[in-house]
Amino acid sequence: MTVPTDGTRRMDPVALAAAMARCVAEGQAPIAVVATAGTTDFGAIDPLPQVADAAASHGAWLHVDAAYGGGLLVSRRRRHLLAGIERADSVTVDFHKTFFQPVSSSAVVVRDRATLAPVTWHADYLNPAGSTNPDQVGKSLQTTRRFDALKLWLTLRTMGPDLVGDYVDAVVDLAHAAYDALRAEPALEIAAPPHLSTLVLRYRPPGAALGEADLGRLNRRIRAALFERGTSVVAATKVDGRQFLKLTLLNPKATLADVLAIAGEVCDVGRELAAPAVAASALRPTLTSAGAAR
């Protein structure tokens, strides 16, 4: 069952409580609640204390998907945004996101190690029962796998958590600075202010009366053109069914100038590809010209 979100795209705890009560009224048992700490598109963090309260009131398992926002745990300025995550029964973290590790490096952390017992399977050739040797099979569904934990261990030993946290703050600060610099750009529509380090935007030619289908097609073409020309790799997403582009900032060495340059490329290519439509719309007396586009 999905739970509605509020105006900032965070889970609505009132709606969550109502949904769980509805389950009980229908004779069902709410067994688990999944909260998100850093949504993929907007970086929104659910109100974890209230979500934890709702889960606890029904004895439900609380899982927090912190794949994207988990790096806030080592931020000295923003770790309070994850207040309540300590009440989770399990948490997922992608260290290759806001811990800046190479792909792949992820973990599922559980409150009680006994929770992992169902994934244990003993085989005489691999991890015989009763053996005193370290048994990694009982910690993961994967058996033969890379030593991904070494990446994070080496980073923390070399840099320390505070410096990693400073890097987290750097990319979040960069996203906010870019938003402040771009939100007045008439040729760009920004879907929402950033929570973490993503900017969701799209090119909208000023003065051109393009419908939603045409805007979506135009922004998909912009993305493809940037990739084909080798200038920028820009992600894409949909917001309420509308096509947008997305910048996920995960390089703490990136600068505001770097981000603005990519936004400039989006606008330049957008103007180039949209020129016929803009010219056509300029002939209509009820519409303004495209002269405002830079």
C-alpha atoms as a PDB file:
ATOM      1  CA  MET A   1       0.000   0.000   0.000  1.00  0.00           C
ATOM      2  CA  THR A   2       1.389   3.392  -0.947  1.00  0.00           C
ATOM      3  CA  VAL A   3       1.096   6.359   1.380  1.00  0.00           C
ATOM      4  CA  PRO A   4       0.463   9.909   0.094  1.00  0.00           C
ATOM      5  CA  THR A   5       3.152  12.547   0.419  1.00  0.00           C
ATOM      6  CA  ASP A   6       2.907  16.180   1.473  1.00  0.00           C
ATOM      7  CA  GLY A   7       3.792  19.299  -0.481  1.00  0.00           C
ATOM      8  CA  THR A   8       7.509  18.675   0.026  1.00  0.00           C
ATOM      9  CA  ARG A   9       7.255  15.079  -1.256  1.00  0.00           C
ATOM     10  CA  ARG A  10       7.718  13.556   2.193  1.00  0.00           C
ATOM     11  CA  MET A  11       5.535  10.777   3.536  1.00  0.00           C
ATOM     12  CA  ASP A  12       2.479  12.213   5.277  1.00  0.00           C
ATOM     13  CA  PRO A  13       2.479  10.688   8.798  1.00  0.00           C
ATOM     14  CA  VAL A  14      -1.238  11.411   9.240  1.00  0.00           C
ATOM     15  CA  ALA A  15      -1.972   9.532   6.024  1.00  0.00           C
ATOM     16  CA  LEU A  16       0.314   6.719   7.198  1.00  0.00           C
ATOM     17  CA  ALA A  17      -1.578   6.371  10.475  1.00  0.00           C
ATOM     18  CA  ALA A  18      -4.869   6.353   8.576  1.00  0.00           C
ATOM     19  CA  ALA A  19      -3.619   3.701   6.153  1.00  0.00           C
ATOM     20  CA  MET A  20      -2.468   1.445   8.980  1.00  0.00           C
ATOM     21  CA  ALA A  21      -5.775   1.891  10.798  1.00  0.00           C
ATOM     22  CA  ARG A  22      -7.587   0.998   7.586  1.00  0.00           C
ATOM     23  CA  CYS A  23      -5.562  -2.211   7.327  1.00  0.00           C
ATOM     24  CA  VAL A  24      -6.594  -3.202  10.832  1.00  0.00           C
ATOM     25  CA  ALA A  25     -10.243  -2.364  10.121  1.00  0.00           C
ATOM     26  CA  GLU A  26     -10.112  -4.655   7.092  1.00  0.00           C
ATOM     27  CA  GLY A  27      -8.772  -7.506   9.203  1.00  0.00           C
ATOM     28  CA  GLN A  28      -5.211  -7.192   7.970  1.00  0.00           C
ATOM     29  CA  ALA A  29      -2.010  -6.700   9.946  1.00  0.00           C
ATOM     30  CA  PRO A  30       0.418  -3.958   8.887  1.00  0.00           C
ATOM     31  CA  ILE A  31       3.685  -5.855   9.166  1.00  0.00           C
ATOM     32  CA  ALA A  32       6.161  -3.300   7.827  1.00  0.00           C
ATOM     33  CA  VAL A  33       6.594   0.372   7.053  1.00  0.00           C
ATOM     34  CA  VAL A  34       9.223   1.532   4.554  1.00  0.00           C
ATOM     35  CA  ALA A  35      10.397   5.124   4.910  1.00  0.00           C
ATOM     36  CA  THR A  36      12.819   6.923   2.613  1.00  0.00           C
ATOM     37  CA  ALA A  37      15.757   9.048   3.670  1.00  0.00           C
ATOM     38  CA  GLY A  38      16.639  10.778   0.425  1.00  0.00           C
ATOM     39  CA  THR A  39      14.299  10.082  -2.488  1.00  0.00           C
ATOM     40  CA  THR A  40      16.036   9.468  -5.801  1.00  0.00           C
ATOM     41  CA  ASP A  41      14.688  12.513  -7.611  1.00  0.00           C
ATOM     42  CA  PHE A  42      14.285  15.159  -4.919  1.00  0.00           C
ATOM     43  CA  GLY A  43      16.292  13.919  -1.942  1.00  0.00           C
ATOM     44  CA  ALA A  44      13.233  14.221   0.288  1.00  0.00           C
ATOM     45  CA  ILE A  45      13.536  12.686   3.760  1.00  0.00           C
ATOM     46  CA  ASP A  46      10.422  11.287   5.359  1.00  0.00           C
ATOM     47  CA  PRO A  47       9.599  12.496   8.903  1.00  0.00           C
ATOM     48  CA  LEU A  48      11.336   9.538  10.518  1.00  0.00           C
ATOM     49  CA  PRO A  49      10.313  10.115  14.173  1.00  0.00           C
ATOM     50  CA  GLN A  50       6.606  10.271  13.295  1.00  0.00           C
ATOM     51  CA  VAL A  51       6.886   7.316  10.922  1.00  0.00           C
ATOM     52  CA  ALA A  52       8.664   5.334  13.648  1.00  0.00           C
ATOM     53  CA  ASP A  53       5.870   6.196  16.090  1.00  0.00           C
ATOM     54  CA  ALA A  54       3.235   4.921  13.656  1.00  0.00           C
ATOM     55  CA  ALA A  55       5.137   1.699  13.009  1.00  0.00           C
ATOM     56  CA  ALA A  56       5.700   1.086  16.723  1.00  0.00           C
ATOM     57  CA  SER A  57       2.025   1.633  17.523  1.00  0.00           C
ATOM     58  CA  HIS A  58       1.186  -1.404  15.373  1.00  0.00           C
ATOM     59  CA  GLY A  59       4.281  -3.451  16.135  1.00  0.00           C
ATOM     60  CA  ALA A  60       5.350  -3.145  12.507  1.00  0.00           C
ATOM     61  CA  TRP A  61       8.867  -3.541  11.199  1.00  0.00           C
ATOM     62  CA  LEU A  62      10.441  -0.213  10.259  1.00  0.00           C
ATOM     63  CA  HIS A  63      12.798  -0.162   7.297  1.00  0.00           C
ATOM     64  CA  VAL A  64      14.516   3.048   6.182  1.00  0.00           C
ATOM     65  CA  ASP A  65      15.808   3.291   2.642  1.00  0.00           C
ATOM     66  CA  ALA A  66      18.785   5.600   3.115  1.00  0.00           C
ATOM     67  CA  ALA A  67      20.515   4.539  -0.097  1.00  0.00           C
ATOM     68  CA  TYR A  68      20.925   8.164  -1.145  1.00  0.00           C
ATOM     69  CA  GLY A  69      20.716  10.113   2.111  1.00  0.00           C
ATOM     70  CA  GLY A  70      22.775   7.787   4.296  1.00  0.00           C
ATOM     71  CA  GLY A  71      25.848   9.980   3.941  1.00  0.00           C
ATOM     72  CA  LEU A  72      24.164  12.585   6.128  1.00  0.00           C
ATOM     73  CA  LEU A  73      25.108  10.396   9.064  1.00  0.00           C
ATOM     74  CA  VAL A  74      28.681  11.676   8.846  1.00  0.00           C
ATOM     75  CA  SER A  75      27.769  15.293   8.133  1.00  0.00           C
ATOM     76  CA  ARG A  76      28.515  17.545  11.095  1.00  0.00           C
ATOM     77  CA  ARG A  77      26.030  20.116   9.794  1.00  0.00           C
ATOM     78  CA  ARG A  78      23.144  18.006   8.542  1.00  0.00           C
ATOM     79  CA  ARG A  79      23.110  14.703  10.420  1.00  0.00           C
ATOM     80  CA  HIS A  80      20.099  15.962  12.394  1.00  0.00           C
ATOM     81  CA  LEU A  81      18.052  15.493   9.208  1.00  0.00           C
ATOM     82  CA  LEU A  82      18.211  11.736   9.856  1.00  0.00           C
ATOM     83  CA  ALA A  83      16.947  12.001  13.439  1.00  0.00           C
ATOM     84  CA  GLY A  84      14.801   8.947  14.089  1.00  0.00           C
ATOM     85  CA  ILE A  85      16.726   6.597  11.817  1.00  0.00           C
ATOM     86  CA  GLU A  86      18.173   4.963  14.928  1.00  0.00           C
ATOM     87  CA  ARG A  87      14.706   3.537  15.614  1.00  0.00           C
ATOM     88  CA  ALA A  88      14.688   1.520  12.397  1.00  0.00           C
ATOM     89  CA  ASP A  89      14.835  -2.260  12.411  1.00  0.00           C
ATOM     90  CA  SER A  90      16.790  -2.214   9.156  1.00  0.00           C
ATOM     91  CA  VAL A  91      18.460   0.410   6.981  1.00  0.00           C
ATOM     92  CA  THR A  92      19.876   0.285   3.472  1.00  0.00           C
ATOM     93  CA  VAL A  93      22.824   2.496   2.490  1.00  0.00           C
ATOM     94  CA  ASP A  94      24.507   2.848  -0.893  1.00  0.00           C
ATOM     95  CA  PHE A  95      28.040   3.860  -0.050  1.00  0.00           C
ATOM     96  CA  HIS A  96      28.657   4.553  -3.748  1.00  0.00           C
ATOM     97  CA  LYS A  97      26.363   7.567  -3.455  1.00  0.00           C
ATOM     98  CA  THR A  98      26.865   9.986  -0.583  1.00  0.00           C
ATOM     99  CA  PHE A  99      29.855   8.106   0.798  1.00  0.00           C
ATOM    100  CA  PHE A 100      31.573   8.624  -2.584  1.00  0.00           C
ATOM    101  CA  GLN A 101      32.689   5.025  -3.090  1.00  0.00           C
ATOM    102  CA  PRO A 102      33.176   3.282  -6.446  1.00  0.00           C
ATOM    103  CA  VAL A 103      30.256   1.211  -7.684  1.00  0.00           C
ATOM    104  CA  SER A 104      29.200  -0.988  -6.124  1.00  0.00           C
ATOM    105  CA  SER A 105      29.320  -0.654  -2.372  1.00  0.00           C
ATOM    106  CA  SER A 106      26.082  -1.095  -0.459  1.00  0.00           C
ATOM    107  CA  ALA A 107      24.841  -2.585   2.780  1.00  0.00           C
ATOM    108  CA  VAL A 108      21.733  -3.619   4.639  1.00  0.00           C
ATOM    109  CA  VAL A 109      22.189  -2.862   8.338  1.00  0.00           C
ATOM    110  CA  VAL A 110      19.943  -4.580  10.862  1.00  0.00           C
ATOM    111  CA  ARG A 111      19.330  -3.831  14.503  1.00  0.00           C
ATOM    112  CA  ASP A 112      19.462  -7.505  15.548  1.00  0.00           C
ATOM    113  CA  ARG A 113      21.942  -9.779  13.799  1.00  0.00           C
ATOM    114  CA  ALA A 114      19.569 -12.690  14.374  1.00  0.00           C
ATOM    115  CA  THR A 115      17.412 -11.113  11.680  1.00  0.00           C
ATOM    116  CA  LEU A 116      19.900 -12.392   9.112  1.00  0.00           C
ATOM    117  CA  ALA A 117      19.502 -16.012  10.202  1.00  0.00           C
ATOM    118  CA  PRO A 118      17.067 -16.923   7.365  1.00  0.00           C
ATOM    119  CA  VAL A 119      19.737 -16.189   4.723  1.00  0.00           C
ATOM    120  CA  THR A 120      22.174 -18.685   6.290  1.00  0.00           C
ATOM    121  CA  TRP A 121      22.743 -21.957   4.464  1.00  0.00           C
ATOM    122  CA  HIS A 122      25.471 -24.358   5.454  1.00  0.00           C
ATOM    123  CA  ALA A 123      27.354 -26.376   2.867  1.00  0.00           C
ATOM    124  CA  ASP A 124      30.167 -28.783   3.720  1.00  0.00           C
ATOM    125  CA  TYR A 125      32.398 -27.499   0.905  1.00  0.00           C
ATOM    126  CA  LEU A 126      31.919 -23.854   1.839  1.00  0.00           C
ATOM    127  CA  ASN A 127      30.858 -23.093   5.394  1.00  0.00           C
ATOM    128  CA  PRO A 128      30.205 -26.300   7.303  1.00  0.00           C
ATOM    129  CA  ALA A 129      28.076 -25.988  10.412  1.00  0.00           C
ATOM    130  CA  GLY A 130      30.160 -25.765  13.558  1.00  0.00           C
ATOM    131  CA  SER A 131      33.215 -24.363  11.783  1.00  0.00           C
ATOM    132  CA  THR A 132      35.192 -21.720  13.664  1.00  0.00           C
ATOM    133  CA  ASN A 133      36.293 -19.981  10.466  1.00  0.00           C
ATOM    134  CA  PRO A 134      34.719 -16.624   9.569  1.00  0.00           C
ATOM    135  CA  ASP A 135      31.429 -17.210   7.771  1.00  0.00           C
ATOM    136  CA  GLN A 136      30.374 -14.446   5.413  1.00  0.00           C
ATOM    137  CA  VAL A 137      27.632 -16.559   3.822  1.00  0.00           C
ATOM    138  CA  GLY A 138      25.420 -15.975   6.838  1.00  0.00           C
ATOM    139  CA  LYS A 139      25.456 -12.230   6.216  1.00  0.00           C
ATOM    140  CA  SER A 140      24.373 -12.023   2.585  1.00  0.00           C
ATOM    141  CA  LEU A 141      22.415 -13.770  -0.114  1.00  0.00           C
ATOM    142  CA  GLN A 142      25.515 -13.393  -2.259  1.00  0.00           C
ATOM    143  CA  THR A 143      28.234 -15.993  -1.845  1.00  0.00           C
ATOM    144  CA  THR A 144      30.992 -15.279  -4.361  1.00  0.00           C
ATOM    145  CA  ARG A 145      31.304 -11.503  -4.386  1.00  0.00           C
ATOM    146  CA  ARG A 146      33.829  -8.706  -4.336  1.00  0.00           C
ATOM    147  CA  PHE A 147      35.290  -7.363  -1.118  1.00  0.00           C
ATOM    148  CA  ASP A 148      33.245  -4.161  -1.405  1.00  0.00           C
ATOM    149  CA  ALA A 149      33.549  -3.350   2.283  1.00  0.00           C
ATOM    150  CA  LEU A 150      37.269  -2.741   1.772  1.00  0.00           C
ATOM    151  CA  LYS A 151      36.522   0.423  -0.212  1.00  0.00           C
ATOM    152  CA  LEU A 152      34.606   2.052   2.628  1.00  0.00           C
ATOM    153  CA  TRP A 153      36.995   0.796   5.298  1.00  0.00           C
ATOM    154  CA  LEU A 154      40.003   2.244   3.466  1.00  0.00           C
ATOM    155  CA  THR A 155      38.243   5.582   2.895  1.00  0.00           C
ATOM    156  CA  LEU A 156      37.266   5.946   6.535  1.00  0.00           C
ATOM    157  CA  ARG A 157      40.750   4.948   7.705  1.00  0.00           C
ATOM    158  CA  THR A 158      42.391   7.408   5.297  1.00  0.00           C
ATOM    159  CA  MET A 159      40.015  10.369   5.400  1.00  0.00           C
ATOM    160  CA  GLY A 160      37.956   9.883   8.544  1.00  0.00           C
ATOM    161  CA  PRO A 161      34.190  10.352   8.758  1.00  0.00           C
ATOM    162  CA  ASP A 162      34.326  14.115   9.293  1.00  0.00           C
ATOM    163  CA  LEU A 163      35.986  14.775   5.942  1.00  0.00           C
ATOM    164  CA  VAL A 164      33.511  12.480   4.182  1.00  0.00           C
ATOM    165  CA  GLY A 165      30.760  14.449   5.914  1.00  0.00           C
ATOM    166  CA  ASP A 166      32.288  17.689   4.675  1.00  0.00           C
ATOM    167  CA  TYR A 167      32.094  16.278   1.150  1.00  0.00           C
ATOM    168  CA  VAL A 168      28.397  15.519   1.699  1.00  0.00           C
ATOM    169  CA  ASP A 169      27.829  19.101   2.776  1.00  0.00           C
ATOM    170  CA  ALA A 170      29.794  20.354  -0.237  1.00  0.00           C
ATOM    171  CA  VAL A 171      27.529  18.652  -2.794  1.00  0.00           C
ATOM    172  CA  VAL A 172      24.368  19.689  -0.949  1.00  0.00           C
ATOM    173  CA  ASP A 173      25.615  23.273  -0.724  1.00  0.00           C
ATOM    174  CA  LEU A 174      26.418  23.159  -4.433  1.00  0.00           C
ATOM    175  CA  ALA A 175      22.908  22.030  -5.338  1.00  0.00           C
ATOM    176  CA  HIS A 176      21.388  24.856  -3.302  1.00  0.00           C
ATOM    177  CA  ALA A 177      23.757  27.421  -4.803  1.00  0.00           C
ATOM    178  CA  ALA A 178      22.930  26.224  -8.311  1.00  0.00           C
ATOM    179  CA  TYR A 179      19.215  26.407  -7.559  1.00  0.00           C
ATOM    180  CA  ASP A 180      19.567  29.984  -6.336  1.00  0.00           C
ATOM    181  CA  ALA A 181      21.522  30.907  -9.475  1.00  0.00           C
ATOM    182  CA  LEU A 182      19.182  29.204 -11.947  1.00  0.00           C
ATOM    183  CA  ARG A 183      15.683  29.695 -10.582  1.00  0.00           C
ATOM    184  CA  ALA A 184      15.338  33.090 -12.251  1.00  0.00           C
ATOM    185  CA  GLU A 185      16.497  31.764 -15.648  1.00  0.00           C
ATOM    186  CA  PRO A 186      13.452  32.224 -17.932  1.00  0.00           C
ATOM    187  CA  ALA A 187      14.395  29.284 -20.140  1.00  0.00           C
ATOM    188  CA  LEU A 188      14.557  26.760 -17.300  1.00  0.00           C
ATOM    189  CA  GLU A 189      11.765  25.283 -15.217  1.00  0.00           C
ATOM    190  CA  ILE A 190      12.986  23.824 -11.921  1.00  0.00           C
ATOM    191  CA  ALA A 191      10.625  21.257 -10.439  1.00  0.00           C
ATOM    192  CA  ALA A 192      11.385  21.939  -6.761  1.00  0.00           C
ATOM    193  CA  PRO A 193      14.053  23.310  -4.440  1.00  0.00           C
ATOM    194  CA  PRO A 194      16.680  20.647  -3.677  1.00  0.00           C
ATOM    195  CA  HIS A 195      16.617  18.704  -0.415  1.00  0.00           C
ATOM    196  CA  LEU A 196      19.977  17.029  -0.980  1.00  0.00           C
ATOM    197  CA  SER A 197      22.136  17.235  -4.099  1.00  0.00           C
ATOM    198  CA  THR A 198      19.775  16.802  -7.040  1.00  0.00           C
ATOM    199  CA  LEU A 199      18.402  19.437  -9.387  1.00  0.00           C
ATOM    200  CA  VAL A 200      15.344  18.469 -11.415  1.00  0.00           C
ATOM    201  CA  LEU A 201      14.825  20.897 -14.291  1.00  0.00           C
ATOM    202  CA  ARG A 202      13.872  21.192 -17.927  1.00  0.00           C
ATOM    203  CA  TYR A 203      14.202  23.556 -20.834  1.00  0.00           C
ATOM    204  CA  ARG A 204      11.080  25.572 -21.624  1.00  0.00           C
ATOM    205  CA  PRO A 205      11.529  28.023 -24.492  1.00  0.00           C
ATOM    206  CA  PRO A 206      10.265  31.450 -23.426  1.00  0.00           C
ATOM    207  CA  GLY A 207       7.425  32.731 -25.542  1.00  0.00           C
ATOM    208  CA  ALA A 208       6.698  29.397 -27.203  1.00  0.00           C
ATOM    209  CA  ALA A 209       3.330  27.789 -26.584  1.00  0.00           C
ATOM    210  CA  LEU A 210       4.503  24.189 -26.458  1.00  0.00           C
ATOM    211  CA  GLY A 211       2.211  21.551 -25.049  1.00  0.00           C
ATOM    212  CA  GLU A 212       3.331  18.982 -22.510  1.00  0.00           C
ATOM    213  CA  ALA A 213       3.971  16.315 -25.134  1.00  0.00           C
ATOM    214  CA  ASP A 214       6.152  18.691 -27.180  1.00  0.00           C
ATOM    215  CA  LEU A 215       8.067  19.830 -24.064  1.00  0.00           C
ATOM    216  CA  GLY A 216       8.738  16.249 -23.106  1.00  0.00           C
ATOM    217  CA  ARG A 217       9.920  15.385 -26.596  1.00  0.00           C
ATOM    218  CA  LEU A 218      12.147  18.469 -26.714  1.00  0.00           C
ATOM    219  CA  ASN A 219      13.864  17.680 -23.407  1.00  0.00           C
ATOM    220  CA  ARG A 220      14.445  14.080 -24.400  1.00  0.00           C
ATOM    221  CA  ARG A 221      16.086  15.343 -27.582  1.00  0.00           C
ATOM    222  CA  ILE A 222      18.228  17.771 -25.580  1.00  0.00           C
ATOM    223  CA  ARG A 223      19.474  14.949 -23.400  1.00  0.00           C
ATOM    224  CA  ALA A 224      20.246  12.729 -26.390  1.00  0.00           C
ATOM    225  CA  ALA A 225      22.040  15.564 -28.203  1.00  0.00           C
ATOM    226  CA  LEU A 226      24.252  16.361 -25.214  1.00  0.00           C
ATOM    227  CA  PHE A 227      25.204  12.704 -24.914  1.00  0.00           C
ATOM    228  CA  GLU A 228      25.854  12.249 -28.636  1.00  0.00           C
ATOM    229  CA  ARG A 229      28.032  15.376 -28.763  1.00  0.00           C
ATOM    230  CA  GLY A 230      29.998  14.201 -25.749  1.00  0.00           C
ATOM    231  CA  THR A 231      29.519  17.422 -23.802  1.00  0.00           C
ATOM    232  CA  SER A 232      27.387  16.322 -20.840  1.00  0.00           C
ATOM    233  CA  VAL A 233      25.661  13.254 -19.443  1.00  0.00           C
ATOM    234  CA  VAL A 234      22.353  14.390 -18.006  1.00  0.00           C
ATOM    235  CA  ALA A 235      19.854  12.058 -16.369  1.00  0.00           C
ATOM    236  CA  ALA A 236      16.094  12.144 -16.911  1.00  0.00           C
ATOM    237  CA  THR A 237      13.000  11.553 -14.831  1.00  0.00           C
ATOM    238  CA  LYS A 238       9.281  12.260 -14.801  1.00  0.00           C
ATOM    239  CA  VAL A 239       7.474  14.453 -12.290  1.00  0.00           C
ATOM    240  CA  ASP A 240       3.746  13.830 -12.125  1.00  0.00           C
ATOM    241  CA  GLY A 241       3.952  12.427 -15.635  1.00  0.00           C
ATOM    242  CA  ARG A 242       5.927  15.377 -17.015  1.00  0.00           C
ATOM    243  CA  GLN A 243       9.357  14.882 -18.574  1.00  0.00           C
ATOM    244  CA  PHE A 244      12.289  16.536 -16.774  1.00  0.00           C
ATOM    245  CA  LEU A 245      16.061  16.385 -16.787  1.00  0.00           C
ATOM    246  CA  LYS A 246      18.063  15.716 -13.643  1.00  0.00           C
ATOM    247  CA  LEU A 247      21.488  16.614 -12.327  1.00  0.00           C
ATOM    248  CA  THR A 248      22.664  14.479  -9.414  1.00  0.00           C
ATOM    249  CA  LEU A 249      25.670  16.207  -7.891  1.00  0.00           C
ATOM    250  CA  LEU A 250      27.967  13.698  -6.225  1.00  0.00           C
ATOM    251  CA  ASN A 251      31.394  15.146  -6.953  1.00  0.00           C
ATOM    252  CA  PRO A 252      32.592  17.287  -4.030  1.00  0.00           C
ATOM    253  CA  LYS A 253      35.225  18.828  -6.296  1.00  0.00           C
ATOM    254  CA  ALA A 254      32.631  20.179  -8.729  1.00  0.00           C
ATOM    255  CA  THR A 255      32.086  23.941  -8.722  1.00  0.00           C
ATOM    256  CA  LEU A 256      29.123  26.197  -9.276  1.00  0.00           C
ATOM    257  CA  ALA A 257      30.691  27.205 -12.590  1.00  0.00           C
ATOM    258  CA  ASP A 258      30.660  23.535 -13.659  1.00  0.00           C
ATOM    259  CA  VAL A 259      26.949  23.175 -12.929  1.00  0.00           C
ATOM    260  CA  LEU A 260      26.032  26.477 -14.552  1.00  0.00           C
ATOM    261  CA  ALA A 261      27.989  25.460 -17.637  1.00  0.00           C
ATOM    262  CA  ILE A 262      25.900  22.292 -17.977  1.00  0.00           C
ATOM    263  CA  ALA A 263      22.706  24.296 -17.499  1.00  0.00           C
ATOM    264  CA  GLY A 264      23.956  26.663 -20.179  1.00  0.00           C
ATOM    265  CA  GLU A 265      24.494  23.738 -22.543  1.00  0.00           C
ATOM    266  CA  VAL A 266      20.942  22.573 -21.885  1.00  0.00           C
ATOM    267  CA  CYS A 267      19.657  26.027 -22.811  1.00  0.00           C
ATOM    268  CA  ASP A 268      21.897  26.355 -25.873  1.00  0.00           C
ATOM    269  CA  VAL A 269      20.906  22.972 -27.290  1.00  0.00           C
ATOM    270  CA  GLY A 270      17.301  23.603 -26.313  1.00  0.00           C
ATOM    271  CA  ARG A 271      17.213  26.867 -28.264  1.00  0.00           C
ATOM    272  CA  GLU A 272      18.778  25.164 -31.249  1.00  0.00           C
ATOM    273  CA  LEU A 273      16.328  22.270 -31.285  1.00  0.00           C
ATOM    274  CA  ALA A 274      13.292  24.392 -30.449  1.00  0.00           C
ATOM    275  CA  ALA A 275      13.991  27.146 -33.008  1.00  0.00           C
ATOM    276  CA  PRO A 276      11.319  26.041 -35.521  1.00  0.00           C
ATOM    277  CA  ALA A 277       8.631  25.831 -32.838  1.00  0.00           C
ATOM    278  CA  VAL A 278       9.649  29.175 -31.329  1.00  0.00           C
ATOM    279  CA  ALA A 279       9.581  30.842 -34.735  1.00  0.00           C
ATOM    280  CA  ALA A 280       6.146  29.461 -35.454  1.00  0.00           C
ATOM    281  CA  SER A 281       4.757  30.582 -32.116  1.00  0.00           C
ATOM    282  CA  ALA A 282       6.204  34.082 -32.577  1.00  0.00           C
ATOM    283  CA  LEU A 283       3.859  34.553 -35.525  1.00  0.00           C
ATOM    284  CA  ARG A 284       0.833  34.236 -33.277  1.00  0.00           C
ATOM    285  CA  PRO A 285      -0.210  37.686 -32.032  1.00  0.00           C
ATOM    286  CA  THR A 286      -1.348  36.413 -28.655  1.00  0.00           C
ATOM    287  CA  LEU A 287       2.085  35.135 -27.688  1.00  0.00           C
ATOM    288  CA  THR A 288       5.263  36.968 -26.731  1.00  0.00           C
ATOM    289  CA  SER A 289       8.401  36.518 -28.785  1.00  0.00           C
ATOM    290  CA  ALA A 290      11.322  34.305 -27.870  1.00  0.00           C
ATOM    291  CA  GLY A 291      13.590  37.265 -27.428  1.00  0.00           C
ATOM    292  CA  ALA A 292      13.802  36.647 -23.681  1.00  0.00           C
ATOM    293  CA  ALA A 293      15.731  33.437 -24.265  1.00  0.00           C
ATOM    294  CA  ARG A 294      19.401  33.926 -23.763  1.00  0.00           C
END
